């Protein structure tokens, strides 16, 4: 390989990485493919190609690229780690653990792998091991906002709400724009029946991300619990504008209408929920309850 080819590869790699940073993943792929035309055994190009494909949602092709990078360089820690990320997103948790463990074996000082492993252990309900992983990540990098947030998720799952909130607060002190931490704190406050505070944090979520459908849905649920059904309906409607297939928001909106005595509107919402998810039992039960009430009453649903 000549000096010119070596310079060209470096230039293409730099250009591709810049495209990645801009979210221009198709353009980045073109750069990496050009590198591979020159040097098919370039593990960096295979790794970055996998990263771009992952960001495009092409998981199987991304896995193939990481496999190629690992085949060419068995000590390529990031390829092991990133393959674990994809496998965990596909729900292949046990296999993902194997890749994270290999990445940690190669580089035990990389906090993000400990964080990723902790997330998988949390999914497997191995909570104590998950907390240990997050603690290791935070020992390596005390300002790892994601690790603080994820540790909070585990503590929430263990019912340790006060400590979970402290972790969320620590994450937010590091990264005030971390939407998942604002949302996670709101969910914990909701579980603690601190509804006013939960609504405050959901509003912060929506300020940062107005299209956060789950936040609109949760606001609707809280307003329903507070018996403010008109506000609940507005929240569910906002969610449905952006996510019309949210059967849970159709169901929540139906419940709010039912509590306002608007039974026909409620039935319409339950029907829409069941059209999206025919096996959603709560909507079936509410419909049956409305019909049983109407049969006992001289008037039909209005």
C-alpha atoms as a PDB file:
ATOM      1  CA  UNK A   1       0.000   0.000   0.000  1.00  0.00           C
ATOM      2  CA  UNK A   2       1.422   3.354  -1.056  1.00  0.00           C
ATOM      3  CA  UNK A   3       1.833   6.549   0.915  1.00  0.00           C
ATOM      4  CA  UNK A   4      -0.970   8.116  -1.127  1.00  0.00           C
ATOM      5  CA  UNK A   5      -3.410   5.359  -0.146  1.00  0.00           C
ATOM      6  CA  UNK A   6      -2.504   5.777   3.516  1.00  0.00           C
ATOM      7  CA  UNK A   7      -3.149   9.525   3.368  1.00  0.00           C
ATOM      8  CA  UNK A   8      -6.411   8.983   1.478  1.00  0.00           C
ATOM      9  CA  UNK A   9      -7.670   6.510   4.104  1.00  0.00           C
ATOM     10  CA  UNK A  10      -6.967   8.935   6.949  1.00  0.00           C
ATOM     11  CA  UNK A  11      -8.693  11.735   5.066  1.00  0.00           C
ATOM     12  CA  UNK A  12     -11.767   9.591   4.321  1.00  0.00           C
ATOM     13  CA  UNK A  13     -11.974   8.361   7.919  1.00  0.00           C
ATOM     14  CA  UNK A  14     -11.836  11.913   9.255  1.00  0.00           C
ATOM     15  CA  UNK A  15     -14.479  13.004   6.756  1.00  0.00           C
ATOM     16  CA  UNK A  16     -16.719  10.049   7.654  1.00  0.00           C
ATOM     17  CA  UNK A  17     -16.458  10.718  11.402  1.00  0.00           C
ATOM     18  CA  UNK A  18     -17.385  14.369  10.801  1.00  0.00           C
ATOM     19  CA  UNK A  19     -20.454  13.238   8.869  1.00  0.00           C
ATOM     20  CA  UNK A  20     -21.335  10.940  11.806  1.00  0.00           C
ATOM     21  CA  UNK A  21     -21.158  13.863  14.229  1.00  0.00           C
ATOM     22  CA  UNK A  22     -23.556  15.796  11.989  1.00  0.00           C
ATOM     23  CA  UNK A  23     -25.963  12.859  11.809  1.00  0.00           C
ATOM     24  CA  UNK A  24     -25.278  12.396   8.101  1.00  0.00           C
ATOM     25  CA  UNK A  25     -24.877   8.644   8.342  1.00  0.00           C
ATOM     26  CA  UNK A  26     -25.458   7.809   4.662  1.00  0.00           C
ATOM     27  CA  UNK A  27     -22.684  10.202   3.682  1.00  0.00           C
ATOM     28  CA  UNK A  28     -20.446   8.677   6.354  1.00  0.00           C
ATOM     29  CA  UNK A  29     -21.093   5.191   4.942  1.00  0.00           C
ATOM     30  CA  UNK A  30     -19.873   6.295   1.528  1.00  0.00           C
ATOM     31  CA  UNK A  31     -16.573   7.362   3.080  1.00  0.00           C
ATOM     32  CA  UNK A  32     -16.108   4.076   4.936  1.00  0.00           C
ATOM     33  CA  UNK A  33     -16.961   2.029   1.854  1.00  0.00           C
ATOM     34  CA  UNK A  34     -14.311   3.929  -0.095  1.00  0.00           C
ATOM     35  CA  UNK A  35     -11.765   3.092   2.602  1.00  0.00           C
ATOM     36  CA  UNK A  36     -12.733  -0.588   2.394  1.00  0.00           C
ATOM     37  CA  UNK A  37     -12.277  -0.518  -1.383  1.00  0.00           C
ATOM     38  CA  UNK A  38      -8.681   0.499  -0.722  1.00  0.00           C
ATOM     39  CA  UNK A  39      -8.143  -1.661   2.372  1.00  0.00           C
ATOM     40  CA  UNK A  40     -10.753  -4.367   3.037  1.00  0.00           C
ATOM     41  CA  UNK A  41      -9.001  -5.295   6.297  1.00  0.00           C
ATOM     42  CA  UNK A  42      -9.306  -1.854   7.884  1.00  0.00           C
ATOM     43  CA  UNK A  43     -10.923  -2.591  11.258  1.00  0.00           C
ATOM     44  CA  UNK A  44     -11.546   1.111  11.998  1.00  0.00           C
ATOM     45  CA  UNK A  45     -13.587   1.476   8.821  1.00  0.00           C
ATOM     46  CA  UNK A  46     -15.630  -1.629   9.674  1.00  0.00           C
ATOM     47  CA  UNK A  47     -16.221  -0.298  13.196  1.00  0.00           C
ATOM     48  CA  UNK A  48     -17.388   3.125  12.020  1.00  0.00           C
ATOM     49  CA  UNK A  49     -19.500   1.591   9.283  1.00  0.00           C
ATOM     50  CA  UNK A  50     -21.205  -0.478  11.994  1.00  0.00           C
ATOM     51  CA  UNK A  51     -21.759   2.647  14.079  1.00  0.00           C
ATOM     52  CA  UNK A  52     -23.421   4.501  11.198  1.00  0.00           C
ATOM     53  CA  UNK A  53     -25.603   1.505  10.332  1.00  0.00           C
ATOM     54  CA  UNK A  54     -26.636   1.248  13.986  1.00  0.00           C
ATOM     55  CA  UNK A  55     -27.687   4.892  13.986  1.00  0.00           C
ATOM     56  CA  UNK A  56     -29.726   4.206  10.840  1.00  0.00           C
ATOM     57  CA  UNK A  57     -31.503   1.341  12.615  1.00  0.00           C
ATOM     58  CA  UNK A  58     -29.920  -1.318  10.397  1.00  0.00           C
ATOM     59  CA  UNK A  59     -28.983  -3.562  13.278  1.00  0.00           C
ATOM     60  CA  UNK A  60     -28.127  -6.792  11.463  1.00  0.00           C
ATOM     61  CA  UNK A  61     -25.792  -5.079   9.017  1.00  0.00           C
ATOM     62  CA  UNK A  62     -24.218  -3.199  11.941  1.00  0.00           C
ATOM     63  CA  UNK A  63     -23.645  -6.498  13.794  1.00  0.00           C
ATOM     64  CA  UNK A  64     -21.973  -7.937  10.691  1.00  0.00           C
ATOM     65  CA  UNK A  65     -19.623  -4.945  10.566  1.00  0.00           C
ATOM     66  CA  UNK A  66     -18.696  -5.271  14.241  1.00  0.00           C
ATOM     67  CA  UNK A  67     -18.062  -8.983  13.700  1.00  0.00           C
ATOM     68  CA  UNK A  68     -15.710  -8.117  10.851  1.00  0.00           C
ATOM     69  CA  UNK A  69     -13.911  -5.509  12.975  1.00  0.00           C
ATOM     70  CA  UNK A  70     -13.479  -8.086  15.771  1.00  0.00           C
ATOM     71  CA  UNK A  71     -12.296 -10.723  13.294  1.00  0.00           C
ATOM     72  CA  UNK A  72      -9.599  -8.318  12.105  1.00  0.00           C
ATOM     73  CA  UNK A  73      -8.739  -7.024  15.580  1.00  0.00           C
ATOM     74  CA  UNK A  74      -9.885  -9.237  18.458  1.00  0.00           C
ATOM     75  CA  UNK A  75      -8.839  -6.544  20.966  1.00  0.00           C
ATOM     76  CA  UNK A  76     -11.073  -3.837  19.472  1.00  0.00           C
ATOM     77  CA  UNK A  77     -12.879  -2.991  22.729  1.00  0.00           C
ATOM     78  CA  UNK A  78     -15.446  -0.611  21.224  1.00  0.00           C
ATOM     79  CA  UNK A  79     -16.603  -3.236  18.723  1.00  0.00           C
ATOM     80  CA  UNK A  80     -17.270  -5.711  21.539  1.00  0.00           C
ATOM     81  CA  UNK A  81     -19.044  -3.012  23.528  1.00  0.00           C
ATOM     82  CA  UNK A  82     -21.160  -1.761  20.634  1.00  0.00           C
ATOM     83  CA  UNK A  83     -22.209  -5.232  19.607  1.00  0.00           C
ATOM     84  CA  UNK A  84     -23.408  -5.657  23.187  1.00  0.00           C
ATOM     85  CA  UNK A  85     -25.467  -2.470  22.845  1.00  0.00           C
ATOM     86  CA  UNK A  86     -27.283  -3.766  19.770  1.00  0.00           C
ATOM     87  CA  UNK A  87     -27.915  -7.186  21.289  1.00  0.00           C
ATOM     88  CA  UNK A  88     -29.340  -5.590  24.418  1.00  0.00           C
ATOM     89  CA  UNK A  89     -31.646  -3.396  22.336  1.00  0.00           C
ATOM     90  CA  UNK A  90     -32.817  -6.560  20.561  1.00  0.00           C
ATOM     91  CA  UNK A  91     -33.589  -8.124  23.955  1.00  0.00           C
ATOM     92  CA  UNK A  92     -30.711 -10.627  23.714  1.00  0.00           C
ATOM     93  CA  UNK A  93     -29.556  -9.793  27.221  1.00  0.00           C
ATOM     94  CA  UNK A  94     -27.531 -12.885  28.065  1.00  0.00           C
ATOM     95  CA  UNK A  95     -25.596 -12.690  24.802  1.00  0.00           C
ATOM     96  CA  UNK A  96     -25.080  -8.949  25.306  1.00  0.00           C
ATOM     97  CA  UNK A  97     -23.509  -9.673  28.696  1.00  0.00           C
ATOM     98  CA  UNK A  98     -20.924 -11.908  27.041  1.00  0.00           C
ATOM     99  CA  UNK A  99     -19.827  -9.041  24.780  1.00  0.00           C
ATOM    100  CA  UNK A 100     -19.724  -6.527  27.620  1.00  0.00           C
ATOM    101  CA  UNK A 101     -17.666  -8.935  29.717  1.00  0.00           C
ATOM    102  CA  UNK A 102     -15.191  -9.334  26.857  1.00  0.00           C
ATOM    103  CA  UNK A 103     -14.972  -5.559  26.442  1.00  0.00           C
ATOM    104  CA  UNK A 104     -14.331  -5.188  30.196  1.00  0.00           C
ATOM    105  CA  UNK A 105     -11.681  -7.912  30.051  1.00  0.00           C
ATOM    106  CA  UNK A 106      -9.905  -5.923  27.349  1.00  0.00           C
ATOM    107  CA  UNK A 107     -10.368  -2.540  29.033  1.00  0.00           C
ATOM    108  CA  UNK A 108     -11.697  -2.534  32.608  1.00  0.00           C
ATOM    109  CA  UNK A 109     -11.157   1.241  32.793  1.00  0.00           C
ATOM    110  CA  UNK A 110     -13.907   2.126  30.267  1.00  0.00           C
ATOM    111  CA  UNK A 111     -16.884   3.413  32.334  1.00  0.00           C
ATOM    112  CA  UNK A 112     -19.463   3.216  29.550  1.00  0.00           C
ATOM    113  CA  UNK A 113     -19.139  -0.571  29.294  1.00  0.00           C
ATOM    114  CA  UNK A 114     -19.768  -0.918  33.032  1.00  0.00           C
ATOM    115  CA  UNK A 115     -22.790   1.350  32.579  1.00  0.00           C
ATOM    116  CA  UNK A 116     -24.077  -0.725  29.667  1.00  0.00           C
ATOM    117  CA  UNK A 117     -23.586  -3.965  31.571  1.00  0.00           C
ATOM    118  CA  UNK A 118     -25.494  -2.491  34.499  1.00  0.00           C
ATOM    119  CA  UNK A 119     -28.437  -1.719  32.232  1.00  0.00           C
ATOM    120  CA  UNK A 120     -28.592  -5.309  31.001  1.00  0.00           C
ATOM    121  CA  UNK A 121     -28.387  -6.702  34.544  1.00  0.00           C
ATOM    122  CA  UNK A 122     -31.229  -4.363  35.505  1.00  0.00           C
ATOM    123  CA  UNK A 123     -33.331  -5.792  32.661  1.00  0.00           C
ATOM    124  CA  UNK A 124     -32.559  -9.276  34.001  1.00  0.00           C
ATOM    125  CA  UNK A 125     -33.648  -8.096  37.488  1.00  0.00           C
ATOM    126  CA  UNK A 126     -30.172  -8.793  38.868  1.00  0.00           C
ATOM    127  CA  UNK A 127     -30.337  -5.540  40.780  1.00  0.00           C
ATOM    128  CA  UNK A 128     -27.422  -5.861  43.210  1.00  0.00           C
ATOM    129  CA  UNK A 129     -25.023  -6.770  40.381  1.00  0.00           C
ATOM    130  CA  UNK A 130     -26.391  -3.869  38.339  1.00  0.00           C
ATOM    131  CA  UNK A 131     -25.738  -1.401  41.172  1.00  0.00           C
ATOM    132  CA  UNK A 132     -22.183  -2.774  41.476  1.00  0.00           C
ATOM    133  CA  UNK A 133     -21.609  -2.088  37.770  1.00  0.00           C
ATOM    134  CA  UNK A 134     -22.893   1.480  38.007  1.00  0.00           C
ATOM    135  CA  UNK A 135     -20.713   2.064  41.079  1.00  0.00           C
ATOM    136  CA  UNK A 136     -17.692   0.865  39.094  1.00  0.00           C
ATOM    137  CA  UNK A 137     -18.601   3.203  36.225  1.00  0.00           C
ATOM    138  CA  UNK A 138     -18.952   6.108  38.662  1.00  0.00           C
ATOM    139  CA  UNK A 139     -15.662   5.300  40.394  1.00  0.00           C
ATOM    140  CA  UNK A 140     -13.993   5.613  36.996  1.00  0.00           C
ATOM    141  CA  UNK A 141     -15.983   8.716  36.066  1.00  0.00           C
ATOM    142  CA  UNK A 142     -17.905  10.435  38.884  1.00  0.00           C
ATOM    143  CA  UNK A 143     -19.489  12.779  36.323  1.00  0.00           C
ATOM    144  CA  UNK A 144     -21.040  10.003  34.213  1.00  0.00           C
ATOM    145  CA  UNK A 145     -24.595  11.401  34.164  1.00  0.00           C
ATOM    146  CA  UNK A 146     -26.058   8.368  32.437  1.00  0.00           C
ATOM    147  CA  UNK A 147     -24.640   6.007  35.077  1.00  0.00           C
ATOM    148  CA  UNK A 148     -26.164   8.116  37.876  1.00  0.00           C
ATOM    149  CA  UNK A 149     -29.504   8.087  36.083  1.00  0.00           C
ATOM    150  CA  UNK A 150     -29.389   4.345  35.441  1.00  0.00           C
ATOM    151  CA  UNK A 151     -28.385   3.600  39.023  1.00  0.00           C
ATOM    152  CA  UNK A 152     -31.513   5.527  39.973  1.00  0.00           C
ATOM    153  CA  UNK A 153     -33.548   3.247  37.711  1.00  0.00           C
ATOM    154  CA  UNK A 154     -32.269   0.169  39.543  1.00  0.00           C
ATOM    155  CA  UNK A 155     -32.921   1.660  42.976  1.00  0.00           C
ATOM    156  CA  UNK A 156     -36.430   2.539  41.825  1.00  0.00           C
ATOM    157  CA  UNK A 157     -36.955  -1.085  40.818  1.00  0.00           C
ATOM    158  CA  UNK A 158     -35.805  -2.094  44.297  1.00  0.00           C
ATOM    159  CA  UNK A 159     -38.344   0.272  45.863  1.00  0.00           C
ATOM    160  CA  UNK A 160     -35.643   2.585  47.248  1.00  0.00           C
ATOM    161  CA  UNK A 161     -37.321   5.735  45.975  1.00  0.00           C
ATOM    162  CA  UNK A 162     -35.512   8.296  48.115  1.00  0.00           C
ATOM    163  CA  UNK A 163     -32.065   7.079  47.024  1.00  0.00           C
ATOM    164  CA  UNK A 164     -33.304   6.760  43.435  1.00  0.00           C
ATOM    165  CA  UNK A 165     -34.320  10.436  43.431  1.00  0.00           C
ATOM    166  CA  UNK A 166     -30.890  11.400  44.786  1.00  0.00           C
ATOM    167  CA  UNK A 167     -29.292   9.612  41.827  1.00  0.00           C
ATOM    168  CA  UNK A 168     -31.600  11.394  39.374  1.00  0.00           C
ATOM    169  CA  UNK A 169     -30.733  14.732  41.005  1.00  0.00           C
ATOM    170  CA  UNK A 170     -27.020  13.968  40.726  1.00  0.00           C
ATOM    171  CA  UNK A 171     -27.440  13.130  37.035  1.00  0.00           C
ATOM    172  CA  UNK A 172     -29.299  16.394  36.460  1.00  0.00           C
ATOM    173  CA  UNK A 173     -26.662  18.416  38.301  1.00  0.00           C
ATOM    174  CA  UNK A 174     -24.170  17.076  35.753  1.00  0.00           C
ATOM    175  CA  UNK A 175     -26.441  17.310  32.697  1.00  0.00           C
ATOM    176  CA  UNK A 176     -29.492  19.570  33.190  1.00  0.00           C
ATOM    177  CA  UNK A 177     -30.779  18.611  29.720  1.00  0.00           C
ATOM    178  CA  UNK A 178     -30.895  14.867  30.419  1.00  0.00           C
ATOM    179  CA  UNK A 179     -34.541  14.259  29.542  1.00  0.00           C
ATOM    180  CA  UNK A 180     -34.601  10.640  30.766  1.00  0.00           C
ATOM    181  CA  UNK A 181     -33.568  11.794  34.244  1.00  0.00           C
ATOM    182  CA  UNK A 182     -36.312  14.438  34.444  1.00  0.00           C
ATOM    183  CA  UNK A 183     -38.842  11.877  33.241  1.00  0.00           C
ATOM    184  CA  UNK A 184     -37.545   9.167  35.564  1.00  0.00           C
ATOM    185  CA  UNK A 185     -37.785  11.482  38.565  1.00  0.00           C
ATOM    186  CA  UNK A 186     -41.340  12.400  37.602  1.00  0.00           C
ATOM    187  CA  UNK A 187     -42.277   8.704  37.444  1.00  0.00           C
ATOM    188  CA  UNK A 188     -40.846   8.062  40.910  1.00  0.00           C
ATOM    189  CA  UNK A 189     -42.725  11.053  42.342  1.00  0.00           C
ATOM    190  CA  UNK A 190     -45.886   9.740  40.699  1.00  0.00           C
ATOM    191  CA  UNK A 191     -45.369   6.370  42.420  1.00  0.00           C
ATOM    192  CA  UNK A 192     -44.962   8.241  45.710  1.00  0.00           C
ATOM    193  CA  UNK A 193     -48.272  10.028  44.980  1.00  0.00           C
ATOM    194  CA  UNK A 194     -46.506  13.403  44.932  1.00  0.00           C
ATOM    195  CA  UNK A 195     -48.565  14.434  41.957  1.00  0.00           C
ATOM    196  CA  UNK A 196     -47.933  18.188  41.935  1.00  0.00           C
ATOM    197  CA  UNK A 197     -44.167  17.663  41.929  1.00  0.00           C
ATOM    198  CA  UNK A 198     -44.477  14.945  39.290  1.00  0.00           C
ATOM    199  CA  UNK A 199     -46.424  17.326  37.027  1.00  0.00           C
ATOM    200  CA  UNK A 200     -43.732  19.966  37.519  1.00  0.00           C
ATOM    201  CA  UNK A 201     -41.037  17.564  36.316  1.00  0.00           C
ATOM    202  CA  UNK A 202     -43.143  16.333  33.409  1.00  0.00           C
ATOM    203  CA  UNK A 203     -43.487  19.962  32.323  1.00  0.00           C
ATOM    204  CA  UNK A 204     -39.683  20.210  32.342  1.00  0.00           C
ATOM    205  CA  UNK A 205     -39.521  17.096  30.163  1.00  0.00           C
ATOM    206  CA  UNK A 206     -41.922  18.644  27.667  1.00  0.00           C
ATOM    207  CA  UNK A 207     -40.031  21.924  27.664  1.00  0.00           C
ATOM    208  CA  UNK A 208     -36.918  20.026  26.618  1.00  0.00           C
ATOM    209  CA  UNK A 209     -38.767  17.620  24.324  1.00  0.00           C
ATOM    210  CA  UNK A 210     -42.285  18.757  23.306  1.00  0.00           C
ATOM    211  CA  UNK A 211     -42.790  15.484  21.405  1.00  0.00           C
ATOM    212  CA  UNK A 212     -42.185  13.283  24.467  1.00  0.00           C
ATOM    213  CA  UNK A 213     -45.341  11.173  24.151  1.00  0.00           C
ATOM    214  CA  UNK A 214     -44.906   9.289  27.417  1.00  0.00           C
ATOM    215  CA  UNK A 215     -44.796  12.578  29.340  1.00  0.00           C
ATOM    216  CA  UNK A 216     -48.134  13.686  27.867  1.00  0.00           C
ATOM    217  CA  UNK A 217     -49.613  10.285  28.685  1.00  0.00           C
ATOM    218  CA  UNK A 218     -48.361  10.422  32.275  1.00  0.00           C
ATOM    219  CA  UNK A 219     -49.674  13.947  32.741  1.00  0.00           C
ATOM    220  CA  UNK A 220     -53.068  12.672  31.609  1.00  0.00           C
ATOM    221  CA  UNK A 221     -52.935   9.798  34.096  1.00  0.00           C
ATOM    222  CA  UNK A 222     -52.015  12.124  36.970  1.00  0.00           C
ATOM    223  CA  UNK A 223     -54.761  14.626  36.150  1.00  0.00           C
ATOM    224  CA  UNK A 224     -57.220  11.744  36.074  1.00  0.00           C
ATOM    225  CA  UNK A 225     -56.085  10.668  39.536  1.00  0.00           C
ATOM    226  CA  UNK A 226     -56.584  14.266  40.668  1.00  0.00           C
ATOM    227  CA  UNK A 227     -60.076  14.055  39.101  1.00  0.00           C
ATOM    228  CA  UNK A 228     -59.299  16.938  36.744  1.00  0.00           C
ATOM    229  CA  UNK A 229     -60.695  15.074  33.764  1.00  0.00           C
ATOM    230  CA  UNK A 230     -60.811  18.010  31.336  1.00  0.00           C
ATOM    231  CA  UNK A 231     -57.048  18.570  31.719  1.00  0.00           C
ATOM    232  CA  UNK A 232     -56.507  14.824  31.457  1.00  0.00           C
ATOM    233  CA  UNK A 233     -58.336  14.738  28.124  1.00  0.00           C
ATOM    234  CA  UNK A 234     -56.198  17.610  26.804  1.00  0.00           C
ATOM    235  CA  UNK A 235     -53.011  15.737  27.745  1.00  0.00           C
ATOM    236  CA  UNK A 236     -54.116  12.464  26.151  1.00  0.00           C
ATOM    237  CA  UNK A 237     -55.176  14.407  23.051  1.00  0.00           C
ATOM    238  CA  UNK A 238     -51.732  16.014  22.824  1.00  0.00           C
ATOM    239  CA  UNK A 239     -50.130  12.584  22.950  1.00  0.00           C
ATOM    240  CA  UNK A 240     -52.513  11.213  20.304  1.00  0.00           C
ATOM    241  CA  UNK A 241     -51.786  14.087  17.913  1.00  0.00           C
ATOM    242  CA  UNK A 242     -48.205  12.890  17.716  1.00  0.00           C
ATOM    243  CA  UNK A 243     -48.798   9.213  18.441  1.00  0.00           C
ATOM    244  CA  UNK A 244     -52.258   8.170  17.172  1.00  0.00           C
ATOM    245  CA  UNK A 245     -51.528   4.490  17.842  1.00  0.00           C
ATOM    246  CA  UNK A 246     -51.083   4.975  21.587  1.00  0.00           C
ATOM    247  CA  UNK A 247     -53.821   2.624  22.751  1.00  0.00           C
ATOM    248  CA  UNK A 248     -53.068   3.552  26.364  1.00  0.00           C
ATOM    249  CA  UNK A 249     -53.833   7.210  25.680  1.00  0.00           C
ATOM    250  CA  UNK A 250     -57.060   6.256  23.914  1.00  0.00           C
ATOM    251  CA  UNK A 251     -57.921   4.188  26.974  1.00  0.00           C
ATOM    252  CA  UNK A 252     -57.005   6.985  29.399  1.00  0.00           C
ATOM    253  CA  UNK A 253     -59.012   9.493  27.384  1.00  0.00           C
ATOM    254  CA  UNK A 254     -61.940   7.080  27.424  1.00  0.00           C
ATOM    255  CA  UNK A 255     -61.782   6.774  31.210  1.00  0.00           C
ATOM    256  CA  UNK A 256     -61.763  10.558  31.556  1.00  0.00           C
ATOM    257  CA  UNK A 257     -64.848  10.862  29.329  1.00  0.00           C
ATOM    258  CA  UNK A 258     -66.532   8.084  31.301  1.00  0.00           C
ATOM    259  CA  UNK A 259     -65.905   9.917  34.563  1.00  0.00           C
ATOM    260  CA  UNK A 260     -67.438  13.042  33.025  1.00  0.00           C
ATOM    261  CA  UNK A 261     -70.522  11.021  32.116  1.00  0.00           C
ATOM    262  CA  UNK A 262     -69.821  11.305  28.389  1.00  0.00           C
ATOM    263  CA  UNK A 263     -70.339   7.634  27.733  1.00  0.00           C
ATOM    264  CA  UNK A 264     -70.542   7.633  23.937  1.00  0.00           C
ATOM    265  CA  UNK A 265     -67.253   9.536  23.682  1.00  0.00           C
ATOM    266  CA  UNK A 266     -65.792   7.033  26.148  1.00  0.00           C
ATOM    267  CA  UNK A 267     -66.971   4.078  24.054  1.00  0.00           C
ATOM    268  CA  UNK A 268     -65.478   5.645  20.929  1.00  0.00           C
ATOM    269  CA  UNK A 269     -62.103   5.931  22.675  1.00  0.00           C
ATOM    270  CA  UNK A 270     -62.217   2.369  23.988  1.00  0.00           C
ATOM    271  CA  UNK A 271     -63.076   1.155  20.476  1.00  0.00           C
ATOM    272  CA  UNK A 272     -60.032   2.968  19.079  1.00  0.00           C
ATOM    273  CA  UNK A 273     -57.814   1.470  21.781  1.00  0.00           C
ATOM    274  CA  UNK A 274     -59.098  -2.016  20.927  1.00  0.00           C
ATOM    275  CA  UNK A 275     -58.658  -1.462  17.209  1.00  0.00           C
ATOM    276  CA  UNK A 276     -54.952  -0.871  17.882  1.00  0.00           C
ATOM    277  CA  UNK A 277     -54.647  -3.599  20.524  1.00  0.00           C
ATOM    278  CA  UNK A 278     -57.551  -6.072  20.352  1.00  0.00           C
ATOM    279  CA  UNK A 279     -56.273  -7.939  23.425  1.00  0.00           C
ATOM    280  CA  UNK A 280     -56.242  -4.910  25.750  1.00  0.00           C
ATOM    281  CA  UNK A 281     -58.470  -6.247  28.530  1.00  0.00           C
ATOM    282  CA  UNK A 282     -58.989  -2.992  30.517  1.00  0.00           C
ATOM    283  CA  UNK A 283     -60.707  -1.377  27.515  1.00  0.00           C
ATOM    284  CA  UNK A 284     -62.908  -4.441  27.039  1.00  0.00           C
ATOM    285  CA  UNK A 285     -63.879  -4.357  30.714  1.00  0.00           C
ATOM    286  CA  UNK A 286     -64.775  -0.655  30.629  1.00  0.00           C
ATOM    287  CA  UNK A 287     -66.944  -1.164  27.545  1.00  0.00           C
ATOM    288  CA  UNK A 288     -68.766  -4.036  29.243  1.00  0.00           C
ATOM    289  CA  UNK A 289     -69.284  -1.921  32.353  1.00  0.00           C
ATOM    290  CA  UNK A 290     -70.778   0.937  30.332  1.00  0.00           C
ATOM    291  CA  UNK A 291     -73.100  -1.416  28.468  1.00  0.00           C
ATOM    292  CA  UNK A 292     -74.166  -3.150  31.687  1.00  0.00           C
ATOM    293  CA  UNK A 293     -74.986   0.223  33.236  1.00  0.00           C
ATOM    294  CA  UNK A 294     -76.926   1.309  30.162  1.00  0.00           C
ATOM    295  CA  UNK A 295     -78.960  -1.909  30.186  1.00  0.00           C
ATOM    296  CA  UNK A 296     -79.961  -1.209  33.777  1.00  0.00           C
ATOM    297  CA  UNK A 297     -80.850   2.374  32.866  1.00  0.00           C
ATOM    298  CA  UNK A 298     -83.803   3.553  30.771  1.00  0.00           C
ATOM    299  CA  UNK A 299     -81.457   5.671  28.636  1.00  0.00           C
ATOM    300  CA  UNK A 300     -78.599   4.520  26.363  1.00  0.00           C
ATOM    301  CA  UNK A 301     -75.062   5.908  26.448  1.00  0.00           C
ATOM    302  CA  UNK A 302     -74.880   9.586  25.496  1.00  0.00           C
END
